[in-house]
Structure formats: structure tokens, C-alpha cells
PDB file of N, CA and C in Angstrom:
ATOM      1  N   MET A   1     -24.688 -84.454  -2.048  1.00  0.00           N
ATOM      2  CA  MET A   1     -24.138 -83.809  -3.130  1.00  0.00           C
ATOM      3  C   MET A   1     -23.010 -83.549  -3.554  1.00  0.00           C
ATOM      4  N   THR A   2     -22.434 -84.215  -4.307  1.00  0.00           N
ATOM      5  CA  THR A   2     -20.839 -83.331  -4.827  1.00  0.00           C
ATOM      6  C   THR A   2     -20.768 -82.071  -5.583  1.00  0.00           C
ATOM      7  N   SER A   3     -19.664 -81.542  -5.951  1.00  0.00           N
ATOM      8  CA  SER A   3     -19.928 -80.223  -6.368  1.00  0.00           C
ATOM      9  C   SER A   3     -20.389 -80.773  -8.197  1.00  0.00           C
ATOM     10  N   GLU A   4     -19.819 -81.941  -8.125  1.00  0.00           N
ATOM     11  CA  GLU A   4     -20.044 -82.395 -10.048  1.00  0.00           C
ATOM     12  C   GLU A   4     -21.250 -82.196 -10.334  1.00  0.00           C
ATOM     13  N   ASN A   5     -22.277 -83.169  -9.502  1.00  0.00           N
ATOM     14  CA  ASN A   5     -23.651 -83.213  -9.728  1.00  0.00           C
ATOM     15  C   ASN A   5     -24.711 -81.709  -8.883  1.00  0.00           C
ATOM     16  N   ARG A   6     -24.191 -80.874  -8.679  1.00  0.00           N
ATOM     17  CA  ARG A   6     -24.807 -79.663  -8.138  1.00  0.00           C
ATOM     18  C   ARG A   6     -25.212 -78.759  -9.457  1.00  0.00           C
ATOM     19  N   LYS A   7     -26.229 -78.464  -8.796  1.00  0.00           N
ATOM     20  CA  LYS A   7     -26.952 -76.952  -9.905  1.00  0.00           C
ATOM     21  C   LYS A   7     -26.522 -75.677  -9.662  1.00  0.00           C
ATOM     22  N   TYR A   8     -25.473 -74.906 -10.813  1.00  0.00           N
ATOM     23  CA  TYR A   8     -25.136 -73.706 -10.478  1.00  0.00           C
ATOM     24  C   TYR A   8     -26.171 -72.620 -10.962  1.00  0.00           C
ATOM     25  N   ASN A   9     -26.727 -71.528  -9.852  1.00  0.00           N
ATOM     26  CA  ASN A   9     -27.247 -70.730 -10.209  1.00  0.00           C
ATOM     27  C   ASN A   9     -26.504 -69.199 -10.389  1.00  0.00           C
ATOM     28  N   TYR A  10     -25.329 -68.928 -10.524  1.00  0.00           N
ATOM     29  CA  TYR A  10     -24.849 -67.455 -10.618  1.00  0.00           C
ATOM     30  C   TYR A  10     -23.197 -68.315 -11.093  1.00  0.00           C
ATOM     31  N   ALA A  11     -23.050 -66.898 -12.374  1.00  0.00           N
ATOM     32  CA  ALA A  11     -21.335 -67.207 -12.881  1.00  0.00           C
ATOM     33  C   ALA A  11     -21.443 -66.083 -12.059  1.00  0.00           C
ATOM     34  N   GLY A  12     -19.462 -65.996 -12.145  1.00  0.00           N
ATOM     35  CA  GLY A  12     -18.691 -64.899 -11.439  1.00  0.00           C
ATOM     36  C   GLY A  12     -17.197 -65.327 -11.408  1.00  0.00           C
ATOM     37  N   GLU A  13     -16.815 -63.637 -11.347  1.00  0.00           N
ATOM     38  CA  GLU A  13     -15.524 -63.780 -11.218  1.00  0.00           C
ATOM     39  C   GLU A  13     -14.736 -63.727  -9.539  1.00  0.00           C
ATOM     40  N   LEU A  14     -13.724 -65.486  -9.852  1.00  0.00           N
ATOM     41  CA  LEU A  14     -13.567 -65.358  -8.390  1.00  0.00           C
ATOM     42  C   LEU A  14     -11.932 -65.013  -8.400  1.00  0.00           C
ATOM     43  N   ALA A  15     -11.180 -63.784  -7.489  1.00  0.00           N
ATOM     44  CA  ALA A  15      -9.570 -63.606  -7.601  1.00  0.00           C
ATOM     45  C   ALA A  15      -9.587 -63.813  -6.387  1.00  0.00           C
ATOM     46  N   LEU A  16      -8.537 -64.788  -6.371  1.00  0.00           N
ATOM     47  CA  LEU A  16      -8.089 -64.920  -5.160  1.00  0.00           C
ATOM     48  C   LEU A  16      -6.543 -65.263  -4.870  1.00  0.00           C
ATOM     49  N   LYS A  17      -6.371 -65.085  -3.165  1.00  0.00           N
ATOM     50  CA  LYS A  17      -5.204 -65.106  -2.851  1.00  0.00           C
ATOM     51  C   LYS A  17      -5.095 -67.012  -2.656  1.00  0.00           C
ATOM     52  N   ARG A  18      -4.120 -67.509  -2.245  1.00  0.00           N
ATOM     53  CA  ARG A  18      -3.472 -68.656  -2.092  1.00  0.00           C
ATOM     54  C   ARG A  18      -3.600 -68.808  -0.588  1.00  0.00           C
ATOM     55  N   SER A  19      -4.483 -69.450   0.397  1.00  0.00           N
ATOM     56  CA  SER A  19      -4.576 -69.761   1.122  1.00  0.00           C
ATOM     57  C   SER A  19      -3.211 -69.955   2.437  1.00  0.00           C
ATOM     58  N   ARG A  20      -2.906 -69.385   3.293  1.00  0.00           N
ATOM     59  CA  ARG A  20      -1.950 -69.939   4.194  1.00  0.00           C
ATOM     60  C   ARG A  20      -1.944 -71.253   4.686  1.00  0.00           C
ATOM     61  N   VAL A  21      -3.026 -71.585   4.219  1.00  0.00           N
ATOM     62  CA  VAL A  21      -3.094 -73.744   4.769  1.00  0.00           C
ATOM     63  C   VAL A  21      -3.040 -74.617   3.678  1.00  0.00           C
ATOM     64  N   LEU A  22      -2.969 -74.096   2.062  1.00  0.00           N
ATOM     65  CA  LEU A  22      -2.234 -74.623   1.053  1.00  0.00           C
ATOM     66  C   LEU A  22      -1.098 -74.846   0.628  1.00  0.00           C
ATOM     67  N   LYS A  23      -0.305 -75.503  -0.030  1.00  0.00           N
ATOM     68  CA  LYS A  23       1.029 -75.555  -0.676  1.00  0.00           C
ATOM     69  C   LYS A  23       1.621 -74.125  -1.464  1.00  0.00           C
ATOM     70  N   VAL A  24       2.674 -73.942  -1.249  1.00  0.00           N
ATOM     71  CA  VAL A  24       3.790 -72.546  -1.918  1.00  0.00           C
ATOM     72  C   VAL A  24       2.712 -72.992  -3.663  1.00  0.00           C
ATOM     73  N   GLU A  25       3.005 -74.194  -4.172  1.00  0.00           N
ATOM     74  CA  GLU A  25       3.245 -74.372  -5.623  1.00  0.00           C
ATOM     75  C   GLU A  25       1.667 -74.695  -5.960  1.00  0.00           C
ATOM     76  N   SER A  26       0.410 -75.001  -5.016  1.00  0.00           N
ATOM     77  CA  SER A  26      -0.770 -75.162  -5.197  1.00  0.00           C
ATOM     78  C   SER A  26      -1.075 -74.295  -6.417  1.00  0.00           C
ATOM     79  N   GLN A  27      -2.402 -74.500  -7.104  1.00  0.00           N
ATOM     80  CA  GLN A  27      -3.363 -73.798  -7.903  1.00  0.00           C
ATOM     81  C   GLN A  27      -4.636 -73.375  -7.826  1.00  0.00           C
ATOM     82  N   PRO A  28      -5.814 -72.797  -7.702  1.00  0.00           N
ATOM     83  CA  PRO A  28      -6.907 -73.347  -7.230  1.00  0.00           C
ATOM     84  C   PRO A  28      -7.304 -74.305  -7.717  1.00  0.00           C
ATOM     85  N   LYS A  29      -7.286 -74.794  -8.552  1.00  0.00           N
ATOM     86  CA  LYS A  29      -7.832 -76.412  -9.248  1.00  0.00           C
ATOM     87  C   LYS A  29      -7.158 -77.148  -8.205  1.00  0.00           C
ATOM     88  N   ASP A  30      -5.863 -77.288  -7.658  1.00  0.00           N
ATOM     89  CA  ASP A  30      -5.631 -77.716  -6.722  1.00  0.00           C
ATOM     90  C   ASP A  30      -6.576 -77.931  -5.261  1.00  0.00           C
ATOM     91  N   ASP A  31      -7.165 -76.885  -4.784  1.00  0.00           N
ATOM     92  CA  ASP A  31      -7.924 -77.211  -3.854  1.00  0.00           C
ATOM     93  C   ASP A  31      -8.997 -77.813  -3.637  1.00  0.00           C
ATOM     94  N   ILE A  32      -9.152 -79.088  -2.633  1.00  0.00           N
ATOM     95  CA  ILE A  32      -9.957 -79.972  -2.985  1.00  0.00           C
ATOM     96  C   ILE A  32     -11.210 -79.224  -1.523  1.00  0.00           C
ATOM     97  N   VAL A  33     -11.230 -78.348  -1.642  1.00  0.00           N
ATOM     98  CA  VAL A  33     -12.242 -77.976  -0.908  1.00  0.00           C
ATOM     99  C   VAL A  33     -13.372 -77.167  -1.667  1.00  0.00           C
ATOM    100  N   PRO A  34     -14.515 -77.231  -1.995  1.00  0.00           N
ATOM    101  CA  PRO A  34     -15.430 -76.957  -3.289  1.00  0.00           C
ATOM    102  C   PRO A  34     -16.039 -75.499  -2.553  1.00  0.00           C
ATOM    103  N   TRP A  35     -15.834 -75.511  -1.417  1.00  0.00           N
ATOM    104  CA  TRP A  35     -17.421 -74.188  -1.034  1.00  0.00           C
ATOM    105  C   TRP A  35     -16.455 -73.005  -0.202  1.00  0.00           C
ATOM    106  N   LEU A  36     -16.336 -71.824  -0.054  1.00  0.00           N
ATOM    107  CA  LEU A  36     -16.086 -70.649   0.539  1.00  0.00           C
ATOM    108  C   LEU A  36     -17.289 -69.938   1.213  1.00  0.00           C
ATOM    109  N   PHE A  37     -16.946 -68.742   1.963  1.00  0.00           N
ATOM    110  CA  PHE A  37     -17.328 -68.461   2.280  1.00  0.00           C
ATOM    111  C   PHE A  37     -17.422 -66.473   1.615  1.00  0.00           C
ATOM    112  N   LEU A  38     -19.124 -66.380   0.920  1.00  0.00           N
ATOM    113  CA  LEU A  38     -19.154 -64.651   1.068  1.00  0.00           C
ATOM    114  C   LEU A  38     -19.831 -63.443   1.756  1.00  0.00           C
ATOM    115  N   ILE A  39     -19.097 -62.722   1.812  1.00  0.00           N
ATOM    116  CA  ILE A  39     -19.717 -61.717   3.214  1.00  0.00           C
ATOM    117  C   ILE A  39     -20.776 -60.672   2.553  1.00  0.00           C
ATOM    118  N   VAL A  40     -21.620 -60.407   3.243  1.00  0.00           N
ATOM    119  CA  VAL A  40     -23.171 -59.755   2.638  1.00  0.00           C
ATOM    120  C   VAL A  40     -23.559 -59.277   4.340  1.00  0.00           C
ATOM    121  N   GLU A  41     -22.952 -58.047   3.792  1.00  0.00           N
ATOM    122  CA  GLU A  41     -23.360 -57.297   5.299  1.00  0.00           C
ATOM    123  C   GLU A  41     -22.970 -57.849   6.689  1.00  0.00           C
ATOM    124  N   LYS A  42     -22.342 -58.615   6.848  1.00  0.00           N
ATOM    125  CA  LYS A  42     -21.036 -58.796   7.635  1.00  0.00           C
ATOM    126  C   LYS A  42     -21.445 -60.193   7.921  1.00  0.00           C
ATOM    127  N   ARG A  43     -22.690 -61.081   7.398  1.00  0.00           N
ATOM    128  CA  ARG A  43     -22.876 -62.075   7.146  1.00  0.00           C
ATOM    129  C   ARG A  43     -22.507 -63.016   6.219  1.00  0.00           C
ATOM    130  N   ARG A  44     -21.935 -64.426   7.106  1.00  0.00           N
ATOM    131  CA  ARG A  44     -21.465 -65.065   6.010  1.00  0.00           C
ATOM    132  C   ARG A  44     -22.912 -66.149   4.731  1.00  0.00           C
ATOM    133  N   PHE A  45     -22.335 -67.008   4.065  1.00  0.00           N
ATOM    134  CA  PHE A  45     -23.036 -67.233   3.311  1.00  0.00           C
ATOM    135  C   PHE A  45     -22.196 -68.401   2.532  1.00  0.00           C
ATOM    136  N   THR A  46     -22.115 -69.075   3.122  1.00  0.00           N
ATOM    137  CA  THR A  46     -21.212 -70.844   2.101  1.00  0.00           C
ATOM    138  C   THR A  46     -21.788 -70.465   0.583  1.00  0.00           C
ATOM    139  N   PHE A  47     -21.122 -70.944  -0.116  1.00  0.00           N
ATOM    140  CA  PHE A  47     -21.207 -71.258  -1.530  1.00  0.00           C
ATOM    141  C   PHE A  47     -20.311 -71.978  -2.331  1.00  0.00           C
ATOM    142  N   PHE A  48     -20.831 -72.953  -2.909  1.00  0.00           N
ATOM    143  CA  PHE A  48     -20.033 -74.272  -3.720  1.00  0.00           C
ATOM    144  C   PHE A  48     -19.559 -73.469  -5.153  1.00  0.00           C
ATOM    145  N   TYR A  49     -18.372 -73.524  -5.382  1.00  0.00           N
ATOM    146  CA  TYR A  49     -18.185 -73.003  -7.135  1.00  0.00           C
ATOM    147  C   TYR A  49     -17.066 -74.233  -7.732  1.00  0.00           C
ATOM    148  N   LYS A  50     -17.654 -73.892  -9.521  1.00  0.00           N
ATOM    149  CA  LYS A  50     -16.648 -74.528  -9.728  1.00  0.00           C
ATOM    150  C   LYS A  50     -16.114 -74.015 -11.236  1.00  0.00           C
ATOM    151  N   ILE A  51     -14.811 -74.416 -11.196  1.00  0.00           N
ATOM    152  CA  ILE A  51     -13.972 -73.458 -11.827  1.00  0.00           C
ATOM    153  C   ILE A  51     -14.250 -73.507 -13.373  1.00  0.00           C
ATOM    154  N   VAL A  52     -14.696 -72.455 -14.445  1.00  0.00           N
ATOM    155  CA  VAL A  52     -15.174 -72.895 -15.454  1.00  0.00           C
ATOM    156  C   VAL A  52     -13.712 -73.742 -16.358  1.00  0.00           C
ATOM    157  N   GLU A  53     -12.764 -72.600 -16.411  1.00  0.00           N
ATOM    158  CA  GLU A  53     -11.251 -73.258 -17.094  1.00  0.00           C
ATOM    159  C   GLU A  53     -10.487 -74.209 -16.140  1.00  0.00           C
ATOM    160  N   PRO A  54     -10.636 -74.803 -15.484  1.00  0.00           N
ATOM    161  CA  PRO A  54      -9.533 -75.206 -14.231  1.00  0.00           C
ATOM    162  C   PRO A  54      -8.393 -74.520 -14.481  1.00  0.00           C
ATOM    163  N   LEU A  55      -7.716 -75.253 -16.035  1.00  0.00           N
ATOM    164  CA  LEU A  55      -5.906 -75.186 -16.043  1.00  0.00           C
ATOM    165  C   LEU A  55      -5.564 -73.738 -16.253  1.00  0.00           C
ATOM    166  N   ASP A  56      -6.292 -72.742 -16.205  1.00  0.00           N
ATOM    167  CA  ASP A  56      -6.150 -71.066 -16.747  1.00  0.00           C
ATOM    168  C   ASP A  56      -6.117 -70.895 -15.578  1.00  0.00           C
ATOM    169  N   ALA A  57      -6.728 -71.589 -14.444  1.00  0.00           N
ATOM    170  CA  ALA A  57      -6.652 -70.106 -12.898  1.00  0.00           C
ATOM    171  C   ALA A  57      -5.293 -70.172 -12.328  1.00  0.00           C
ATOM    172  N   THR A  58      -5.364 -69.163 -12.673  1.00  0.00           N
ATOM    173  CA  THR A  58      -4.258 -68.693 -11.437  1.00  0.00           C
ATOM    174  C   THR A  58      -4.750 -67.681 -10.044  1.00  0.00           C
ATOM    175  N   TYR A  59      -3.770 -67.634  -8.985  1.00  0.00           N
ATOM    176  CA  TYR A  59      -4.129 -66.642  -7.904  1.00  0.00           C
ATOM    177  C   TYR A  59      -3.757 -65.251  -8.409  1.00  0.00           C
ATOM    178  N   GLU A  60      -4.225 -64.635  -7.649  1.00  0.00           N
ATOM    179  CA  GLU A  60      -4.339 -63.212  -7.604  1.00  0.00           C
ATOM    180  C   GLU A  60      -5.422 -62.521  -9.226  1.00  0.00           C
ATOM    181  N   ILE A  61      -5.483 -63.281 -10.330  1.00  0.00           N
ATOM    182  CA  ILE A  61      -5.873 -63.236 -11.625  1.00  0.00           C
ATOM    183  C   ILE A  61      -7.419 -63.430 -11.327  1.00  0.00           C
ATOM    184  N   PRO A  62      -8.705 -62.911 -11.453  1.00  0.00           N
ATOM    185  CA  PRO A  62      -9.733 -63.278 -11.591  1.00  0.00           C
ATOM    186  C   PRO A  62     -10.406 -64.244 -12.494  1.00  0.00           C
ATOM    187  N   PHE A  63     -10.973 -65.292 -12.668  1.00  0.00           N
ATOM    188  CA  PHE A  63     -10.894 -66.513 -13.586  1.00  0.00           C
ATOM    189  C   PHE A  63     -12.337 -66.711 -13.062  1.00  0.00           C
ATOM    190  N   SER A  64     -13.014 -67.210 -14.009  1.00  0.00           N
ATOM    191  CA  SER A  64     -14.681 -67.342 -13.724  1.00  0.00           C
ATOM    192  C   SER A  64     -15.247 -68.441 -13.476  1.00  0.00           C
ATOM    193  N   VAL A  65     -16.031 -68.703 -12.882  1.00  0.00           N
ATOM    194  CA  VAL A  65     -16.520 -69.665 -11.541  1.00  0.00           C
ATOM    195  C   VAL A  65     -18.350 -69.907 -11.883  1.00  0.00           C
ATOM    196  N   GLN A  66     -18.606 -70.825 -11.893  1.00  0.00           N
ATOM    197  CA  GLN A  66     -19.895 -71.075 -11.303  1.00  0.00           C
ATOM    198  C   GLN A  66     -20.547 -71.143  -9.659  1.00  0.00           C
ATOM    199  N   MET A  67     -21.426 -70.557  -9.413  1.00  0.00           N
ATOM    200  CA  MET A  67     -21.526 -70.971  -8.138  1.00  0.00           C
ATOM    201  C   MET A  67     -23.212 -70.901  -7.663  1.00  0.00           C
ATOM    202  N   SER A  68     -23.179 -72.307  -6.254  1.00  0.00           N
ATOM    203  CA  SER A  68     -24.280 -72.507  -5.692  1.00  0.00           C
ATOM    204  C   SER A  68     -24.420 -72.092  -4.611  1.00  0.00           C
ATOM    205  N   PHE A  69     -25.269 -71.454  -3.780  1.00  0.00           N
ATOM    206  CA  PHE A  69     -25.684 -71.149  -2.777  1.00  0.00           C
ATOM    207  C   PHE A  69     -26.599 -72.180  -1.702  1.00  0.00           C
ATOM    208  N   ILE A  70     -26.099 -72.667  -0.629  1.00  0.00           N
ATOM    209  CA  ILE A  70     -26.800 -73.210   0.087  1.00  0.00           C
ATOM    210  C   ILE A  70     -27.892 -72.768   1.152  1.00  0.00           C
ATOM    211  N   MET A  71     -28.373 -71.295   0.809  1.00  0.00           N
ATOM    212  CA  MET A  71     -29.143 -70.700   1.526  1.00  0.00           C
ATOM    213  C   MET A  71     -30.383 -70.240   0.302  1.00  0.00           C
ATOM    214  N   ASP A  72     -31.534 -70.319   0.477  1.00  0.00           N
ATOM    215  CA  ASP A  72     -31.857 -69.446  -0.640  1.00  0.00           C
ATOM    216  C   ASP A  72     -31.758 -67.821  -0.323  1.00  0.00           C
ATOM    217  N   GLU A  73     -32.477 -67.579   0.841  1.00  0.00           N
ATOM    218  CA  GLU A  73     -32.402 -66.716   1.571  1.00  0.00           C
ATOM    219  C   GLU A  73     -30.822 -65.390   0.662  1.00  0.00           C
ATOM    220  N   ILE A  74     -30.300 -65.906   0.453  1.00  0.00           N
ATOM    221  CA  ILE A  74     -29.144 -65.426  -0.052  1.00  0.00           C
ATOM    222  C   ILE A  74     -29.662 -64.430  -1.843  1.00  0.00           C
ATOM    223  N   LYS A  75     -30.059 -65.251  -2.100  1.00  0.00           N
ATOM    224  CA  LYS A  75     -30.838 -64.324  -3.486  1.00  0.00           C
ATOM    225  C   LYS A  75     -31.418 -63.681  -3.318  1.00  0.00           C
ATOM    226  N   SER A  76     -31.654 -62.712  -2.758  1.00  0.00           N
ATOM    227  CA  SER A  76     -32.302 -61.777  -2.305  1.00  0.00           C
ATOM    228  C   SER A  76     -31.298 -61.363  -1.800  1.00  0.00           C
ATOM    229  N   SER A  77     -30.454 -61.140  -1.653  1.00  0.00           N
ATOM    230  CA  SER A  77     -29.308 -60.193  -0.499  1.00  0.00           C
ATOM    231  C   SER A  77     -28.154 -59.824  -1.594  1.00  0.00           C
ATOM    232  N   ILE A  78     -28.070 -60.960  -2.564  1.00  0.00           N
ATOM    233  CA  ILE A  78     -26.658 -60.357  -3.679  1.00  0.00           C
ATOM    234  C   ILE A  78     -27.611 -59.544  -4.714  1.00  0.00           C
ATOM    235  N   GLN A  79     -26.159 -58.890  -5.435  1.00  0.00           N
ATOM    236  CA  GLN A  79     -26.748 -58.300  -6.690  1.00  0.00           C
ATOM    237  C   GLN A  79     -26.011 -58.444  -6.860  1.00  0.00           C
ATOM    238  N   ILE A  80     -26.272 -58.440  -9.197  1.00  0.00           N
ATOM    239  CA  ILE A  80     -25.581 -59.078 -10.111  1.00  0.00           C
ATOM    240  C   ILE A  80     -24.750 -57.488 -10.263  1.00  0.00           C
ATOM    241  N   ASN A  81     -23.344 -57.821 -10.669  1.00  0.00           N
ATOM    242  CA  ASN A  81     -22.203 -56.594 -11.307  1.00  0.00           C
ATOM    243  C   ASN A  81     -22.006 -56.063 -10.169  1.00  0.00           C
ATOM    244  N   ARG A  82     -21.891 -56.794  -8.902  1.00  0.00           N
ATOM    245  CA  ARG A  82     -21.445 -56.371  -7.411  1.00  0.00           C
ATOM    246  C   ARG A  82     -20.503 -56.974  -6.859  1.00  0.00           C
ATOM    247  N   THR A  83     -19.253 -56.897  -6.299  1.00  0.00           N
ATOM    248  CA  THR A  83     -18.271 -57.624  -5.803  1.00  0.00           C
ATOM    249  C   THR A  83     -18.266 -57.382  -3.887  1.00  0.00           C
ATOM    250  N   TYR A  84     -18.100 -59.063  -3.351  1.00  0.00           N
ATOM    251  CA  TYR A  84     -17.891 -59.360  -2.232  1.00  0.00           C
ATOM    252  C   TYR A  84     -17.053 -59.851  -2.024  1.00  0.00           C
ATOM    253  N   GLU A  85     -16.418 -59.701  -0.648  1.00  0.00           N
ATOM    254  CA  GLU A  85     -15.359 -60.404  -0.267  1.00  0.00           C
ATOM    255  C   GLU A  85     -15.905 -62.035   0.006  1.00  0.00           C
ATOM    256  N   VAL A  86     -14.703 -62.236  -0.241  1.00  0.00           N
ATOM    257  CA  VAL A  86     -14.967 -64.061   0.342  1.00  0.00           C
ATOM    258  C   VAL A  86     -13.614 -64.436   1.540  1.00  0.00           C
ATOM    259  N   TRP A  87     -14.113 -65.819   1.944  1.00  0.00           N
ATOM    260  CA  TRP A  87     -13.620 -66.248   3.327  1.00  0.00           C
ATOM    261  C   TRP A  87     -13.550 -67.474   2.991  1.00  0.00           C
ATOM    262  N   ARG A  88     -12.170 -67.929   3.371  1.00  0.00           N
ATOM    263  CA  ARG A  88     -12.204 -69.436   3.808  1.00  0.00           C
ATOM    264  C   ARG A  88     -11.947 -69.462   5.211  1.00  0.00           C
ATOM    265  N   ALA A  89     -12.988 -69.957   5.542  1.00  0.00           N
ATOM    266  CA  ALA A  89     -12.748 -70.596   7.777  1.00  0.00           C
ATOM    267  C   ALA A  89     -12.799 -69.256   7.697  1.00  0.00           C
ATOM    268  N   GLU A  90     -11.700 -68.880   9.139  1.00  0.00           N
ATOM    269  CA  GLU A  90     -11.765 -67.634   9.208  1.00  0.00           C
ATOM    270  C   GLU A  90     -10.695 -66.672   8.424  1.00  0.00           C
ATOM    271  N   GLU A  91     -10.181 -66.518   7.524  1.00  0.00           N
ATOM    272  CA  GLU A  91      -8.765 -66.646   6.572  1.00  0.00           C
ATOM    273  C   GLU A  91      -9.517 -65.379   5.025  1.00  0.00           C
ATOM    274  N   PRO A  92      -9.664 -63.950   5.047  1.00  0.00           N
ATOM    275  CA  PRO A  92     -10.451 -63.957   3.966  1.00  0.00           C
ATOM    276  C   PRO A  92      -8.446 -63.815   2.828  1.00  0.00           C
ATOM    277  N   ILE A  93      -9.652 -64.402   1.517  1.00  0.00           N
ATOM    278  CA  ILE A  93      -8.817 -64.994   0.900  1.00  0.00           C
ATOM    279  C   ILE A  93      -9.420 -64.255  -0.716  1.00  0.00           C
ATOM    280  N   GLY A  94      -9.848 -63.286  -0.795  1.00  0.00           N
ATOM    281  CA  GLY A  94     -10.642 -62.599  -1.600  1.00  0.00           C
ATOM    282  C   GLY A  94     -11.435 -62.200  -2.349  1.00  0.00           C
ATOM    283  N   THR A  95     -11.832 -61.759  -3.442  1.00  0.00           N
ATOM    284  CA  THR A  95     -13.246 -61.302  -3.815  1.00  0.00           C
ATOM    285  C   THR A  95     -13.849 -62.692  -5.030  1.00  0.00           C
ATOM    286  N   VAL A  96     -15.232 -61.859  -5.178  1.00  0.00           N
ATOM    287  CA  VAL A  96     -15.745 -62.780  -6.441  1.00  0.00           C
ATOM    288  C   VAL A  96     -16.884 -61.803  -6.548  1.00  0.00           C
ATOM    289  N   LYS A  97     -16.829 -61.495  -8.164  1.00  0.00           N
ATOM    290  CA  LYS A  97     -18.300 -60.678  -8.885  1.00  0.00           C
ATOM    291  C   LYS A  97     -18.775 -61.514  -9.199  1.00  0.00           C
ATOM    292  N   ILE A  98     -20.728 -61.253  -8.795  1.00  0.00           N
ATOM    293  CA  ILE A  98     -21.090 -61.378  -9.309  1.00  0.00           C
ATOM    294  C   ILE A  98     -21.555 -61.286 -10.795  1.00  0.00           C
ATOM    295  N   ILE A  99     -21.728 -62.304 -11.588  1.00  0.00           N
ATOM    296  CA  ILE A  99     -21.557 -61.977 -13.228  1.00  0.00           C
ATOM    297  C   ILE A  99     -22.967 -61.784 -14.176  1.00  0.00           C
ATOM    298  N   ASP A 100     -23.804 -62.898 -13.786  1.00  0.00           N
ATOM    299  CA  ASP A 100     -24.766 -63.129 -13.708  1.00  0.00           C
ATOM    300  C   ASP A 100     -25.892 -64.331 -13.407  1.00  0.00           C
ATOM    301  N   ALA A 101     -27.228 -64.623 -13.107  1.00  0.00           N
ATOM    302  CA  ALA A 101     -27.698 -65.481 -12.749  1.00  0.00           C
ATOM    303  C   ALA A 101     -28.509 -66.578 -13.787  1.00  0.00           C
ATOM    304  N   LEU A 102     -28.010 -67.319 -13.653  1.00  0.00           N
ATOM    305  CA  LEU A 102     -27.687 -68.907 -14.632  1.00  0.00           C
ATOM    306  C   LEU A 102     -29.288 -69.565 -14.519  1.00  0.00           C
ATOM    307  N   VAL A 103     -29.885 -69.583 -15.641  1.00  0.00           N
ATOM    308  CA  VAL A 103     -31.451 -69.587 -15.539  1.00  0.00           C
ATOM    309  C   VAL A 103     -31.468 -71.835 -15.426  1.00  0.00           C
TER     310      VAL A 103
END
């Protein structure tokens, strides 16, 4: 299932710094990897994300995303209005605040 056809379950605010593997002039919309890792109590949960307004998203400034987790068990582990650390592979690159659950 591609990220375009995916059902997103949460709305959030993602604040990222540019990963060391990306070009200096890149912006979040240019990243071809649509998933990251959310850290909850030292556990990693993969999530796919879709930027709500891709042309307005920049690094170091929170931007709105829709999120989908691949493991259902995360739903009992995350909390609305809480901020979590975000990693790309072995690199910490930011945070995400879970704003709301989408119906």
C-alpha cells in the first residue's frame, strides 16, 4: 500500500531537522521516505506520514501531518497532546506531537 492510498489515523505536528543523508537544499516535501520511527518508552514504532501542506513545510518549524502506524498495539501506547521523539533509522531527527485521532 502506497502512502497515497493509506488510511491515516492521527493528526500531528512534526518538527524535524534535516537528516544528514539528505541534501542541504532539500525540504521535507523532497524526502522520498514516507516513514519514520516514533519512540515510546524505548520502543520504536514505524509510522507513515503525509504532510498536510507540503509546500509550506520547512525544517526546524513544526508542520501538520497525518499519521498511520503499522502496528495496532501502538494505539494503546500513545496519548493525544503528547510529544514523542522521532528517528530516521539510527538518527534522532525531531519530535511529533499527536494532536488528534482521525475518524
